[in-house]
PDB file of N, CA and C in Angstrom:
ATOM      1  N   MET A   1     -19.547  88.206-127.158  1.00  0.00           N
ATOM      2  CA  MET A   1     -19.862  86.826-127.494  1.00  0.00           C
ATOM      3  C   MET A   1     -18.652  86.202-128.172  1.00  0.00           C
ATOM      4  N   GLY A   2     -18.258  85.013-127.744  1.00  0.00           N
ATOM      5  CA  GLY A   2     -17.069  84.354-128.256  1.00  0.00           C
ATOM      6  C   GLY A   2     -17.360  83.482-129.462  1.00  0.00           C
ATOM      7  N   ILE A   3     -16.298  82.999-130.015  1.00  0.00           N
ATOM      8  CA  ILE A   3     -16.389  82.110-131.161  1.00  0.00           C
ATOM      9  C   ILE A   3     -16.524  80.688-130.648  1.00  0.00           C
ATOM     10  N   GLY A   4     -17.202  79.848-131.387  1.00  0.00           N
ATOM     11  CA  GLY A   4     -17.308  78.444-131.002  1.00  0.00           C
ATOM     12  C   GLY A   4     -18.710  78.100-130.563  1.00  0.00           C
ATOM     13  N   ILE A   5     -18.817  76.975-129.914  1.00  0.00           N
ATOM     14  CA  ILE A   5     -20.126  76.520-129.479  1.00  0.00           C
ATOM     15  C   ILE A   5     -20.512  77.207-128.178  1.00  0.00           C
ATOM     16  N   PRO A   6     -21.806  77.432-127.974  1.00  0.00           N
ATOM     17  CA  PRO A   6     -22.230  78.076-126.738  1.00  0.00           C
ATOM     18  C   PRO A   6     -21.999  77.172-125.540  1.00  0.00           C
ATOM     19  N   LYS A   7     -21.919  77.787-124.375  1.00  0.00           N
ATOM     20  CA  LYS A   7     -21.699  77.030-123.148  1.00  0.00           C
ATOM     21  C   LYS A   7     -22.826  76.019-122.976  1.00  0.00           C
ATOM     22  N   GLY A   8     -22.428  74.794-122.693  1.00  0.00           N
ATOM     23  CA  GLY A   8     -23.411  73.744-122.532  1.00  0.00           C
ATOM     24  C   GLY A   8     -23.747  73.034-123.829  1.00  0.00           C
ATOM     25  N   GLY A   9     -23.267  73.556-124.963  1.00  0.00           N
ATOM     26  CA  GLY A   9     -23.513  72.905-126.245  1.00  0.00           C
ATOM     27  C   GLY A   9     -22.577  71.735-126.433  1.00  0.00           C
ATOM     28  N   SER A  10     -22.842  70.934-127.439  1.00  0.00           N
ATOM     29  CA  SER A  10     -21.976  69.787-127.675  1.00  0.00           C
ATOM     30  C   SER A  10     -21.241  69.954-128.996  1.00  0.00           C
ATOM     31  N   ASN A  11     -20.101  69.316-129.089  1.00  0.00           N
ATOM     32  CA  ASN A  11     -19.328  69.359-130.313  1.00  0.00           C
ATOM     33  C   ASN A  11     -20.043  68.570-131.397  1.00  0.00           C
ATOM     34  N   ARG A  12     -19.843  68.977-132.638  1.00  0.00           N
ATOM     35  CA  ARG A  12     -20.429  68.251-133.747  1.00  0.00           C
ATOM     36  C   ARG A  12     -19.618  66.994-133.991  1.00  0.00           C
ATOM     37  N   LYS A  13     -20.301  65.910-134.283  1.00  0.00           N
ATOM     38  CA  LYS A  13     -19.647  64.654-134.630  1.00  0.00           C
ATOM     39  C   LYS A  13     -19.577  64.576-136.152  1.00  0.00           C
ATOM     40  N   TRP A  14     -18.368  64.521-136.681  1.00  0.00           N
ATOM     41  CA  TRP A  14     -18.173  64.431-138.121  1.00  0.00           C
ATOM     42  C   TRP A  14     -18.014  62.969-138.494  1.00  0.00           C
ATOM     43  N   ASP A  15     -18.814  62.508-139.461  1.00  0.00           N
ATOM     44  CA  ASP A  15     -18.641  61.127-139.894  1.00  0.00           C
ATOM     45  C   ASP A  15     -17.571  61.058-140.985  1.00  0.00           C
ATOM     46  N   LYS A  16     -17.168  59.839-141.304  1.00  0.00           N
ATOM     47  CA  LYS A  16     -16.062  59.621-142.243  1.00  0.00           C
ATOM     48  C   LYS A  16     -16.363  60.234-143.604  1.00  0.00           C
ATOM     49  N   GLU A  17     -17.608  60.134-144.071  1.00  0.00           N
ATOM     50  CA  GLU A  17     -17.961  60.638-145.402  1.00  0.00           C
ATOM     51  C   GLU A  17     -17.800  62.154-145.489  1.00  0.00           C
ATOM     52  N   ASP A  18     -18.237  62.860-144.450  1.00  0.00           N
ATOM     53  CA  ASP A  18     -18.091  64.322-144.445  1.00  0.00           C
ATOM     54  C   ASP A  18     -16.620  64.725-144.418  1.00  0.00           C
ATOM     55  N   LYS A  19     -15.844  64.060-143.574  1.00  0.00           N
ATOM     56  CA  LYS A  19     -14.413  64.366-143.500  1.00  0.00           C
ATOM     57  C   LYS A  19     -13.752  64.131-144.849  1.00  0.00           C
ATOM     58  N   LEU A  20     -14.078  62.992-145.476  1.00  0.00           N
ATOM     59  CA  LEU A  20     -13.480  62.645-146.765  1.00  0.00           C
ATOM     60  C   LEU A  20     -13.864  63.664-147.831  1.00  0.00           C
ATOM     61  N   ARG A  21     -15.136  64.078-147.846  1.00  0.00           N
ATOM     62  CA  ARG A  21     -15.593  65.072-148.822  1.00  0.00           C
ATOM     63  C   ARG A  21     -14.818  66.377-148.672  1.00  0.00           C
ATOM     64  N   ILE A  22     -14.626  66.829-147.436  1.00  0.00           N
ATOM     65  CA  ILE A  22     -13.933  68.097-147.190  1.00  0.00           C
ATOM     66  C   ILE A  22     -12.455  67.982-147.542  1.00  0.00           C
ATOM     67  N   VAL A  23     -11.814  66.881-147.150  1.00  0.00           N
ATOM     68  CA  VAL A  23     -10.388  66.694-147.451  1.00  0.00           C
ATOM     69  C   VAL A  23     -10.173  66.612-148.955  1.00  0.00           C
ATOM     70  N   LYS A  24     -11.056  65.912-149.672  1.00  0.00           N
ATOM     71  CA  LYS A  24     -10.914  65.809-151.136  1.00  0.00           C
ATOM     72  C   LYS A  24     -11.121  67.162-151.803  1.00  0.00           C
ATOM     73  N   ARG A  25     -12.017  67.967-151.259  1.00  0.00           N
ATOM     74  CA  ARG A  25     -12.169  69.330-151.799  1.00  0.00           C
ATOM     75  C   ARG A  25     -10.870  70.101-151.654  1.00  0.00           C
ATOM     76  N   TYR A  26     -10.220  69.962-150.508  1.00  0.00           N
ATOM     77  CA  TYR A  26      -8.952  70.654-150.280  1.00  0.00           C
ATOM     78  C   TYR A  26      -7.892  70.175-151.272  1.00  0.00           C
ATOM     79  N   LEU A  27      -7.786  68.861-151.443  1.00  0.00           N
ATOM     80  CA  LEU A  27      -6.735  68.306-152.296  1.00  0.00           C
ATOM     81  C   LEU A  27      -7.014  68.518-153.784  1.00  0.00           C
ATOM     82  N   ASN A  28      -8.277  68.420-154.216  1.00  0.00           N
ATOM     83  CA  ASN A  28      -8.603  68.465-155.643  1.00  0.00           C
ATOM     84  C   ASN A  28      -8.908  69.862-156.168  1.00  0.00           C
ATOM     85  N   GLU A  29      -9.555  70.685-155.370  1.00  0.00           N
ATOM     86  CA  GLU A  29     -10.009  71.988-155.855  1.00  0.00           C
ATOM     87  C   GLU A  29      -9.009  73.101-155.598  1.00  0.00           C
ATOM     88  N   GLY A  30      -7.976  72.830-154.826  1.00  0.00           N
ATOM     89  CA  GLY A  30      -6.953  73.839-154.587  1.00  0.00           C
ATOM     90  C   GLY A  30      -7.416  74.999-153.721  1.00  0.00           C
ATOM     91  N   ILE A  31      -8.444  74.793-152.945  1.00  0.00           N
ATOM     92  CA  ILE A  31      -8.923  75.841-152.039  1.00  0.00           C
ATOM     93  C   ILE A  31      -7.967  75.896-150.854  1.00  0.00           C
ATOM     94  N   GLY A  32      -7.703  77.081-150.347  1.00  0.00           N
ATOM     95  CA  GLY A  32      -6.848  77.228-149.176  1.00  0.00           C
ATOM     96  C   GLY A  32      -7.472  76.558-147.959  1.00  0.00           C
ATOM     97  N   ARG A  33      -6.622  76.056-147.081  1.00  0.00           N
ATOM     98  CA  ARG A  33      -7.100  75.317-145.916  1.00  0.00           C
ATOM     99  C   ARG A  33      -7.981  76.180-145.020  1.00  0.00           C
ATOM    100  N   ILE A  34      -7.535  77.385-144.724  1.00  0.00           N
ATOM    101  CA  ILE A  34      -8.294  78.257-143.818  1.00  0.00           C
ATOM    102  C   ILE A  34      -9.609  78.691-144.457  1.00  0.00           C
ATOM    103  N   ALA A  35      -9.569  79.030-145.746  1.00  0.00           N
ATOM    104  CA  ALA A  35     -10.793  79.437-146.439  1.00  0.00           C
ATOM    105  C   ALA A  35     -11.806  78.291-146.470  1.00  0.00           C
ATOM    106  N   LEU A  36     -11.326  77.085-146.749  1.00  0.00           N
ATOM    107  CA  LEU A  36     -12.211  75.921-146.777  1.00  0.00           C
ATOM    108  C   LEU A  36     -12.765  75.628-145.378  1.00  0.00           C
ATOM    109  N   ALA A  37     -11.918  75.768-144.378  1.00  0.00           N
ATOM    110  CA  ALA A  37     -12.363  75.524-143.006  1.00  0.00           C
ATOM    111  C   ALA A  37     -13.474  76.502-142.619  1.00  0.00           C
ATOM    112  N   LYS A  38     -13.314  77.773-142.975  1.00  0.00           N
ATOM    113  CA  LYS A  38     -14.356  78.764-142.672  1.00  0.00           C
ATOM    114  C   LYS A  38     -15.639  78.442-143.426  1.00  0.00           C
ATOM    115  N   GLU A  39     -15.483  78.046-144.688  1.00  0.00           N
ATOM    116  CA  GLU A  39     -16.644  77.716-145.509  1.00  0.00           C
ATOM    117  C   GLU A  39     -17.411  76.518-144.941  1.00  0.00           C
ATOM    118  N   GLU A  40     -16.685  75.536-144.431  1.00  0.00           N
ATOM    119  CA  GLU A  40     -17.306  74.325-143.885  1.00  0.00           C
ATOM    120  C   GLU A  40     -17.631  74.462-142.393  1.00  0.00           C
ATOM    121  N   ASN A  41     -17.288  75.602-141.815  1.00  0.00           N
ATOM    122  CA  ASN A  41     -17.564  75.896-140.407  1.00  0.00           C
ATOM    123  C   ASN A  41     -16.856  74.925-139.452  1.00  0.00           C
ATOM    124  N   ILE A  42     -15.564  74.702-139.712  1.00  0.00           N
ATOM    125  CA  ILE A  42     -14.716  73.913-138.823  1.00  0.00           C
ATOM    126  C   ILE A  42     -13.437  74.700-138.580  1.00  0.00           C
ATOM    127  N   SER A  43     -12.649  74.275-137.620  1.00  0.00           N
ATOM    128  CA  SER A  43     -11.405  74.994-137.350  1.00  0.00           C
ATOM    129  C   SER A  43     -10.339  74.570-138.356  1.00  0.00           C
ATOM    130  N   GLY A  44      -9.418  75.482-138.632  1.00  0.00           N
ATOM    131  CA  GLY A  44      -8.316  75.176-139.537  1.00  0.00           C
ATOM    132  C   GLY A  44      -7.436  74.068-139.000  1.00  0.00           C
ATOM    133  N   GLY A  45      -7.263  74.029-137.687  1.00  0.00           N
ATOM    134  CA  GLY A  45      -6.454  72.985-137.064  1.00  0.00           C
ATOM    135  C   GLY A  45      -7.068  71.606-137.235  1.00  0.00           C
ATOM    136  N   MET A  46      -8.388  71.535-137.103  1.00  0.00           N
ATOM    137  CA  MET A  46      -9.064  70.252-137.275  1.00  0.00           C
ATOM    138  C   MET A  46      -8.927  69.772-138.713  1.00  0.00           C
ATOM    139  N   LEU A  47      -9.092  70.681-139.669  1.00  0.00           N
ATOM    140  CA  LEU A  47      -8.933  70.318-141.076  1.00  0.00           C
ATOM    141  C   LEU A  47      -7.511  69.850-141.350  1.00  0.00           C
ATOM    142  N   TYR A  48      -6.527  70.516-140.762  1.00  0.00           N
ATOM    143  CA  TYR A  48      -5.126  70.113-140.931  1.00  0.00           C
ATOM    144  C   TYR A  48      -4.916  68.679-140.434  1.00  0.00           C
ATOM    145  N   ILE A  49      -5.478  68.357-139.280  1.00  0.00           N
ATOM    146  CA  ILE A  49      -5.341  67.003-138.725  1.00  0.00           C
ATOM    147  C   ILE A  49      -5.988  65.981-139.655  1.00  0.00           C
ATOM    148  N   TRP A  50      -7.176  66.294-140.179  1.00  0.00           N
ATOM    149  CA  TRP A  50      -7.841  65.369-141.100  1.00  0.00           C
ATOM    150  C   TRP A  50      -6.998  65.143-142.348  1.00  0.00           C
ATOM    151  N   ILE A  51      -6.422  66.224-142.877  1.00  0.00           N
ATOM    152  CA  ILE A  51      -5.597  66.106-144.091  1.00  0.00           C
ATOM    153  C   ILE A  51      -4.391  65.223-143.814  1.00  0.00           C
ATOM    154  N   GLN A  52      -3.718  65.449-142.693  1.00  0.00           N
ATOM    155  CA  GLN A  52      -2.539  64.644-142.356  1.00  0.00           C
ATOM    156  C   GLN A  52      -2.906  63.174-142.167  1.00  0.00           C
ATOM    157  N   LYS A  53      -4.010  62.909-141.486  1.00  0.00           N
ATOM    158  CA  LYS A  53      -4.434  61.521-141.286  1.00  0.00           C
ATOM    159  C   LYS A  53      -4.775  60.864-142.619  1.00  0.00           C
ATOM    160  N   TYR A  54      -5.418  61.609-143.514  1.00  0.00           N
ATOM    161  CA  TYR A  54      -5.769  61.065-144.824  1.00  0.00           C
ATOM    162  C   TYR A  54      -4.512  60.766-145.632  1.00  0.00           C
ATOM    163  N   LEU A  55      -3.542  61.670-145.599  1.00  0.00           N
ATOM    164  CA  LEU A  55      -2.306  61.454-146.353  1.00  0.00           C
ATOM    165  C   LEU A  55      -1.485  60.307-145.767  1.00  0.00           C
ATOM    166  N   ASP A  56      -1.508  60.134-144.451  1.00  0.00           N
ATOM    167  CA  ASP A  56      -0.726  59.074-143.803  1.00  0.00           C
ATOM    168  C   ASP A  56      -1.409  57.708-143.861  1.00  0.00           C
ATOM    169  N   GLU A  57      -2.725  57.679-143.592  1.00  0.00           N
ATOM    170  CA  GLU A  57      -3.423  56.407-143.408  1.00  0.00           C
ATOM    171  C   GLU A  57      -4.516  56.140-144.432  1.00  0.00           C
ATOM    172  N   GLY A  58      -4.767  57.090-145.330  1.00  0.00           N
ATOM    173  CA  GLY A  58      -5.851  56.915-146.291  1.00  0.00           C
ATOM    174  C   GLY A  58      -7.203  57.150-145.640  1.00  0.00           C
ATOM    175  N   GLU A  59      -8.244  56.593-146.262  1.00  0.00           N
ATOM    176  CA  GLU A  59      -9.603  56.794-145.745  1.00  0.00           C
ATOM    177  C   GLU A  59      -9.768  56.242-144.331  1.00  0.00           C
ATOM    178  N   GLN A  60      -9.029  55.204-143.996  1.00  0.00           N
ATOM    179  CA  GLN A  60      -9.131  54.595-142.664  1.00  0.00           C
ATOM    180  C   GLN A  60      -8.727  55.583-141.565  1.00  0.00           C
ATOM    181  N   GLY A  61      -7.865  56.539-141.888  1.00  0.00           N
ATOM    182  CA  GLY A  61      -7.444  57.532-140.913  1.00  0.00           C
ATOM    183  C   GLY A  61      -8.551  58.493-140.512  1.00  0.00           C
ATOM    184  N   LEU A  62      -9.619  58.550-141.316  1.00  0.00           N
ATOM    185  CA  LEU A  62     -10.724  59.468-141.031  1.00  0.00           C
ATOM    186  C   LEU A  62     -11.854  58.810-140.243  1.00  0.00           C
ATOM    187  N   VAL A  63     -11.717  57.530-139.934  1.00  0.00           N
ATOM    188  CA  VAL A  63     -12.740  56.821-139.163  1.00  0.00           C
ATOM    189  C   VAL A  63     -12.644  57.253-137.706  1.00  0.00           C
ATOM    190  N   ASN A  64     -13.800  57.515-137.101  1.00  0.00           N
ATOM    191  CA  ASN A  64     -13.832  57.881-135.681  1.00  0.00           C
ATOM    192  C   ASN A  64     -13.545  56.649-134.845  1.00  0.00           C
ATOM    193  N   ASN A  65     -12.528  56.734-134.011  1.00  0.00           N
ATOM    194  CA  ASN A  65     -12.206  55.636-133.111  1.00  0.00           C
ATOM    195  C   ASN A  65     -12.872  55.890-131.774  1.00  0.00           C
ATOM    196  N   LYS A  66     -13.604  54.901-131.297  1.00  0.00           N
ATOM    197  CA  LYS A  66     -14.274  55.043-130.009  1.00  0.00           C
ATOM    198  C   LYS A  66     -13.234  54.993-128.898  1.00  0.00           C
ATOM    199  N   LYS A  67     -13.370  55.889-127.950  1.00  0.00           N
ATOM    200  CA  LYS A  67     -12.450  55.938-126.819  1.00  0.00           C
ATOM    201  C   LYS A  67     -12.731  54.765-125.882  1.00  0.00           C
ATOM    202  N   LYS A  68     -11.688  54.266-125.263  1.00  0.00           N
ATOM    203  CA  LYS A  68     -11.802  53.096-124.398  1.00  0.00           C
ATOM    204  C   LYS A  68     -12.489  53.420-123.074  1.00  0.00           C
ATOM    205  N   GLY A  69     -12.212  54.562-122.491  1.00  0.00           N
ATOM    206  CA  GLY A  69     -12.799  54.903-121.206  1.00  0.00           C
ATOM    207  C   GLY A  69     -12.028  54.286-120.050  1.00  0.00           C
ATOM    208  N   ASN A  70     -12.584  54.379-118.887  1.00  0.00           N
ATOM    209  CA  ASN A  70     -11.948  53.875-117.675  1.00  0.00           C
ATOM    210  C   ASN A  70     -12.276  52.396-117.513  1.00  0.00           C
ATOM    211  N   HIS A  71     -11.271  51.544-117.636  1.00  0.00           N
ATOM    212  CA  HIS A  71     -11.514  50.111-117.565  1.00  0.00           C
ATOM    213  C   HIS A  71     -11.777  49.631-116.138  1.00  0.00           C
ATOM    214  N   TYR A  72     -11.541  50.469-115.142  1.00  0.00           N
ATOM    215  CA  TYR A  72     -11.858  50.096-113.763  1.00  0.00           C
ATOM    216  C   TYR A  72     -13.316  50.400-113.415  1.00  0.00           C
ATOM    217  N   ALA A  73     -13.978  51.239-114.192  1.00  0.00           N
ATOM    218  CA  ALA A  73     -15.344  51.633-113.872  1.00  0.00           C
ATOM    219  C   ALA A  73     -16.287  50.434-113.869  1.00  0.00           C
ATOM    220  N   ALA A  74     -16.135  49.532-114.822  1.00  0.00           N
ATOM    221  CA  ALA A  74     -17.011  48.364-114.890  1.00  0.00           C
ATOM    222  C   ALA A  74     -16.771  47.433-113.708  1.00  0.00           C
ATOM    223  N   ILE A  75     -15.552  47.366-113.236  1.00  0.00           N
ATOM    224  CA  ILE A  75     -15.239  46.492-112.105  1.00  0.00           C
ATOM    225  C   ILE A  75     -15.959  46.974-110.850  1.00  0.00           C
ATOM    226  N   HIS A  76     -16.014  48.295-110.648  1.00  0.00           N
ATOM    227  CA  HIS A  76     -16.654  48.844-109.450  1.00  0.00           C
ATOM    228  C   HIS A  76     -18.146  48.538-109.417  1.00  0.00           C
ATOM    229  N   THR A  77     -18.784  48.508-110.579  1.00  0.00           N
ATOM    230  CA  THR A  77     -20.229  48.319-110.615  1.00  0.00           C
ATOM    231  C   THR A  77     -20.638  46.864-110.797  1.00  0.00           C
ATOM    232  N   SER A  78     -19.696  45.991-111.106  1.00  0.00           N
ATOM    233  CA  SER A  78     -20.011  44.585-111.335  1.00  0.00           C
ATOM    234  C   SER A  78     -20.350  43.895-110.012  1.00  0.00           C
ATOM    235  N   LYS A  79     -21.435  43.131-110.032  1.00  0.00           N
ATOM    236  CA  LYS A  79     -21.853  42.432-108.816  1.00  0.00           C
ATOM    237  C   LYS A  79     -21.252  41.036-108.739  1.00  0.00           C
ATOM    238  N   THR A  80     -20.900  40.474-109.873  1.00  0.00           N
ATOM    239  CA  THR A  80     -20.340  39.125-109.887  1.00  0.00           C
ATOM    240  C   THR A  80     -18.884  39.205-110.308  1.00  0.00           C
ATOM    241  N   LEU A  81     -18.015  39.300-109.334  1.00  0.00           N
ATOM    242  CA  LEU A  81     -16.583  39.353-109.599  1.00  0.00           C
ATOM    243  C   LEU A  81     -15.959  38.022-109.226  1.00  0.00           C
ATOM    244  N   SER A  82     -15.021  37.593-110.057  1.00  0.00           N
ATOM    245  CA  SER A  82     -14.272  36.403-109.671  1.00  0.00           C
ATOM    246  C   SER A  82     -13.370  36.783-108.499  1.00  0.00           C
ATOM    247  N   GLU A  83     -12.847  35.794-107.832  1.00  0.00           N
ATOM    248  CA  GLU A  83     -11.975  36.049-106.679  1.00  0.00           C
ATOM    249  C   GLU A  83     -10.765  36.875-107.092  1.00  0.00           C
ATOM    250  N   VAL A  84     -10.190  36.559-108.259  1.00  0.00           N
ATOM    251  CA  VAL A  84      -9.009  37.284-108.740  1.00  0.00           C
ATOM    252  C   VAL A  84      -9.361  38.743-109.024  1.00  0.00           C
ATOM    253  N   ASP A  85     -10.494  38.984-109.709  1.00  0.00           N
ATOM    254  CA  ASP A  85     -10.898  40.359-110.012  1.00  0.00           C
ATOM    255  C   ASP A  85     -11.219  41.139-108.744  1.00  0.00           C
ATOM    256  N   ARG A  86     -11.843  40.482-107.776  1.00  0.00           N
ATOM    257  CA  ARG A  86     -12.156  41.147-106.508  1.00  0.00           C
ATOM    258  C   ARG A  86     -10.877  41.576-105.796  1.00  0.00           C
ATOM    259  N   LEU A  87      -9.873  40.693-105.800  1.00  0.00           N
ATOM    260  CA  LEU A  87      -8.599  41.028-105.156  1.00  0.00           C
ATOM    261  C   LEU A  87      -7.861  42.123-105.917  1.00  0.00           C
ATOM    262  N   ARG A  88      -7.943  42.104-107.251  1.00  0.00           N
ATOM    263  CA  ARG A  88      -7.323  43.173-108.053  1.00  0.00           C
ATOM    264  C   ARG A  88      -7.955  44.522-107.735  1.00  0.00           C
ATOM    265  N   LEU A  89      -9.267  44.533-107.571  1.00  0.00           N
ATOM    266  CA  LEU A  89      -9.970  45.766-107.225  1.00  0.00           C
ATOM    267  C   LEU A  89      -9.516  46.283-105.868  1.00  0.00           C
ATOM    268  N   ILE A  90      -9.381  45.399-104.900  1.00  0.00           N
ATOM    269  CA  ILE A  90      -8.921  45.799-103.565  1.00  0.00           C
ATOM    270  C   ILE A  90      -7.516  46.379-103.639  1.00  0.00           C
ATOM    271  N   VAL A  91      -6.629  45.722-104.381  1.00  0.00           N
ATOM    272  CA  VAL A  91      -5.248  46.205-104.522  1.00  0.00           C
ATOM    273  C   VAL A  91      -5.234  47.570-105.204  1.00  0.00           C
ATOM    274  N   ALA A  92      -6.027  47.742-106.261  1.00  0.00           N
ATOM    275  CA  ALA A  92      -6.064  49.029-106.967  1.00  0.00           C
ATOM    276  C   ALA A  92      -6.554  50.139-106.040  1.00  0.00           C
ATOM    277  N   LYS A  93      -7.596  49.865-105.257  1.00  0.00           N
ATOM    278  CA  LYS A  93      -8.107  50.872-104.318  1.00  0.00           C
ATOM    279  C   LYS A  93      -7.055  51.227-103.270  1.00  0.00           C
ATOM    280  N   GLN A  94      -6.322  50.228-102.786  1.00  0.00           N
ATOM    281  CA  GLN A  94      -5.292  50.484-101.780  1.00  0.00           C
ATOM    282  C   GLN A  94      -4.132  51.280-102.363  1.00  0.00           C
ATOM    283  N   GLU A  95      -3.771  51.005-103.620  1.00  0.00           N
ATOM    284  CA  GLU A  95      -2.696  51.775-104.262  1.00  0.00           C
ATOM    285  C   GLU A  95      -3.086  53.240-104.398  1.00  0.00           C
ATOM    286  N   VAL A  96      -4.336  53.492-104.763  1.00  0.00           N
ATOM    287  CA  VAL A  96      -4.815  54.874-104.875  1.00  0.00           C
ATOM    288  C   VAL A  96      -4.777  55.546-103.511  1.00  0.00           C
ATOM    289  N   GLU A  97      -5.225  54.853-102.483  1.00  0.00           N
ATOM    290  CA  GLU A  97      -5.224  55.415-101.128  1.00  0.00           C
ATOM    291  C   GLU A  97      -3.803  55.721-100.655  1.00  0.00           C
ATOM    292  N   ILE A  98      -2.851  54.843-100.944  1.00  0.00           N
ATOM    293  CA  ILE A  98      -1.447  55.072-100.567  1.00  0.00           C
ATOM    294  C   ILE A  98      -0.915  56.320-101.255  1.00  0.00           C
ATOM    295  N   GLU A  99      -1.208  56.481-102.545  1.00  0.00           N
ATOM    296  CA  GLU A  99      -0.740  57.671-103.264  1.00  0.00           C
ATOM    297  C   GLU A  99      -1.359  58.938-102.692  1.00  0.00           C
ATOM    298  N   ARG A 100      -2.638  58.874-102.322  1.00  0.00           N
ATOM    299  CA  ARG A 100      -3.280  60.046-101.711  1.00  0.00           C
ATOM    300  C   ARG A 100      -2.603  60.407-100.399  1.00  0.00           C
ATOM    301  N   LEU A 101      -2.303  59.402 -99.587  1.00  0.00           N
ATOM    302  CA  LEU A 101      -1.647  59.658 -98.304  1.00  0.00           C
ATOM    303  C   LEU A 101      -0.251  60.233 -98.509  1.00  0.00           C
ATOM    304  N   LYS A 102       0.475  59.748 -99.517  1.00  0.00           N
ATOM    305  CA  LYS A 102       1.807  60.286 -99.814  1.00  0.00           C
ATOM    306  C   LYS A 102       1.724  61.760-100.178  1.00  0.00           C
ATOM    307  N   LYS A 103       0.654  62.135-100.887  1.00  0.00           N
ATOM    308  CA  LYS A 103       0.499  63.530-101.294  1.00  0.00           C
ATOM    309  C   LYS A 103      -0.061  64.395-100.174  1.00  0.00           C
ATOM    310  N   GLY A 104      -0.498  63.762 -99.101  1.00  0.00           N
ATOM    311  CA  GLY A 104      -0.886  64.532 -97.930  1.00  0.00           C
ATOM    312  C   GLY A 104      -2.356  64.831 -97.772  1.00  0.00           C
ATOM    313  N   TYR A 105      -3.247  63.990 -98.273  1.00  0.00           N
ATOM    314  CA  TYR A 105      -4.657  64.225 -97.996  1.00  0.00           C
ATOM    315  C   TYR A 105      -5.430  62.916 -97.894  1.00  0.00           C
ATOM    316  N   LEU A 106      -6.549  62.991 -97.176  1.00  0.00           N
ATOM    317  CA  LEU A 106      -7.467  61.872 -96.986  1.00  0.00           C
ATOM    318  C   LEU A 106      -8.758  62.165 -97.728  1.00  0.00           C
ATOM    319  N   VAL A 107      -9.514  61.128 -98.013  1.00  0.00           N
ATOM    320  CA  VAL A 107     -10.823  61.293 -98.634  1.00  0.00           C
ATOM    321  C   VAL A 107     -11.870  60.864 -97.626  1.00  0.00           C
ATOM    322  N   LYS A 108     -12.777  61.778 -97.305  1.00  0.00           N
ATOM    323  CA  LYS A 108     -13.881  61.479 -96.394  1.00  0.00           C
ATOM    324  C   LYS A 108     -15.161  61.470 -97.220  1.00  0.00           C
ATOM    325  N   GLY A 109     -16.015  60.512 -96.972  1.00  0.00           N
ATOM    326  CA  GLY A 109     -17.276  60.420 -97.696  1.00  0.00           C
ATOM    327  C   GLY A 109     -17.113  59.645 -98.990  1.00  0.00           C
ATOM    328  N   ALA A 110     -18.199  59.616 -99.766  1.00  0.00           N
ATOM    329  CA  ALA A 110     -18.183  58.890-101.031  1.00  0.00           C
ATOM    330  C   ALA A 110     -19.104  59.582-102.024  1.00  0.00           C
ATOM    331  N   GLY A 111     -18.886  59.299-103.295  1.00  0.00           N
ATOM    332  CA  GLY A 111     -19.740  59.834-104.350  1.00  0.00           C
ATOM    333  C   GLY A 111     -19.719  61.346-104.397  1.00  0.00           C
ATOM    334  N   ALA A 112     -20.904  61.948-104.483  1.00  0.00           N
ATOM    335  CA  ALA A 112     -21.016  63.401-104.581  1.00  0.00           C
ATOM    336  C   ALA A 112     -20.644  64.090-103.278  1.00  0.00           C
ATOM    337  N   ASN A 113     -20.665  63.354-102.167  1.00  0.00           N
ATOM    338  CA  ASN A 113     -20.345  63.927-100.857  1.00  0.00           C
ATOM    339  C   ASN A 113     -18.872  63.787-100.501  1.00  0.00           C
ATOM    340  N   LYS A 114     -18.042  63.454-101.479  1.00  0.00           N
ATOM    341  CA  LYS A 114     -16.620  63.240-101.228  1.00  0.00           C
ATOM    342  C   LYS A 114     -15.957  64.550-100.819  1.00  0.00           C
ATOM    343  N   GLU A 115     -15.098  64.454 -99.812  1.00  0.00           N
ATOM    344  CA  GLU A 115     -14.402  65.632 -99.295  1.00  0.00           C
ATOM    345  C   GLU A 115     -12.932  65.272 -99.100  1.00  0.00           C
ATOM    346  N   PHE A 116     -12.045  66.133 -99.565  1.00  0.00           N
ATOM    347  CA  PHE A 116     -10.608  65.914 -99.421  1.00  0.00           C
ATOM    348  C   PHE A 116     -10.109  66.717 -98.231  1.00  0.00           C
ATOM    349  N   VAL A 117      -9.462  66.025 -97.290  1.00  0.00           N
ATOM    350  CA  VAL A 117      -8.987  66.648 -96.062  1.00  0.00           C
ATOM    351  C   VAL A 117      -7.470  66.577 -96.051  1.00  0.00           C
ATOM    352  N   ILE A 118      -6.820  67.711 -95.811  1.00  0.00           N
ATOM    353  CA  ILE A 118      -5.361  67.749 -95.738  1.00  0.00           C
ATOM    354  C   ILE A 118      -4.927  67.073 -94.451  1.00  0.00           C
ATOM    355  N   THR A 119      -3.942  66.163 -94.543  1.00  0.00           N
ATOM    356  CA  THR A 119      -3.570  65.345 -93.386  1.00  0.00           C
ATOM    357  C   THR A 119      -2.831  66.120 -92.310  1.00  0.00           C
ATOM    358  N   LYS A 120      -2.259  67.261 -92.613  1.00  0.00           N
ATOM    359  CA  LYS A 120      -1.554  68.004 -91.566  1.00  0.00           C
ATOM    360  C   LYS A 120      -2.531  68.569 -90.535  1.00  0.00           C
ATOM    361  N   ASP A 121      -3.825  68.663 -90.916  1.00  0.00           N
ATOM    362  CA  ASP A 121      -4.849  69.137 -89.994  1.00  0.00           C
ATOM    363  C   ASP A 121      -5.498  67.998 -89.209  1.00  0.00           C
ATOM    364  N   VAL A 122      -5.196  66.748 -89.573  1.00  0.00           N
ATOM    365  CA  VAL A 122      -5.843  65.587 -88.967  1.00  0.00           C
ATOM    366  C   VAL A 122      -4.785  64.701 -88.337  1.00  0.00           C
ATOM    367  N   SER A 123      -5.080  64.176 -87.171  1.00  0.00           N
ATOM    368  CA  SER A 123      -4.180  63.225 -86.530  1.00  0.00           C
ATOM    369  C   SER A 123      -4.391  61.857 -87.162  1.00  0.00           C
ATOM    370  N   LEU A 124      -3.304  61.221 -87.599  1.00  0.00           N
ATOM    371  CA  LEU A 124      -3.399  59.911 -88.228  1.00  0.00           C
ATOM    372  C   LEU A 124      -3.232  58.779 -87.230  1.00  0.00           C
ATOM    373  N   LYS A 125      -3.105  59.095 -85.940  1.00  0.00           N
ATOM    374  CA  LYS A 125      -2.921  58.067 -84.916  1.00  0.00           C
ATOM    375  C   LYS A 125      -4.230  57.487 -84.484  1.00  0.00           C
TER     376      LYS A 125
END
């Protein structure tokens, strides 16, 4: 059995208050980083990152920043696109297709049924 979360489990989300409490314990109580990390059940590397962010940016460095995600995903699912956005989507799709062809494969199907076919096995004429 390995260390860490079990397969299929999710990572724990640490809020700013918990991070701040742990970092202040490290700075004020003089506990070693690895010992404190084991005690709090986090990795030493994660604690190191929190400490560095706190020292560089203060409490604001411990705030969880939401990831932006794929900004093209909303365009694909939007039903009401302006003419400019519709054309941008077409251009983006064509650029992806050109890059795939340069690398030597085609995409057949869509969604879960997508299949990548090597172009040397397929006639492009």
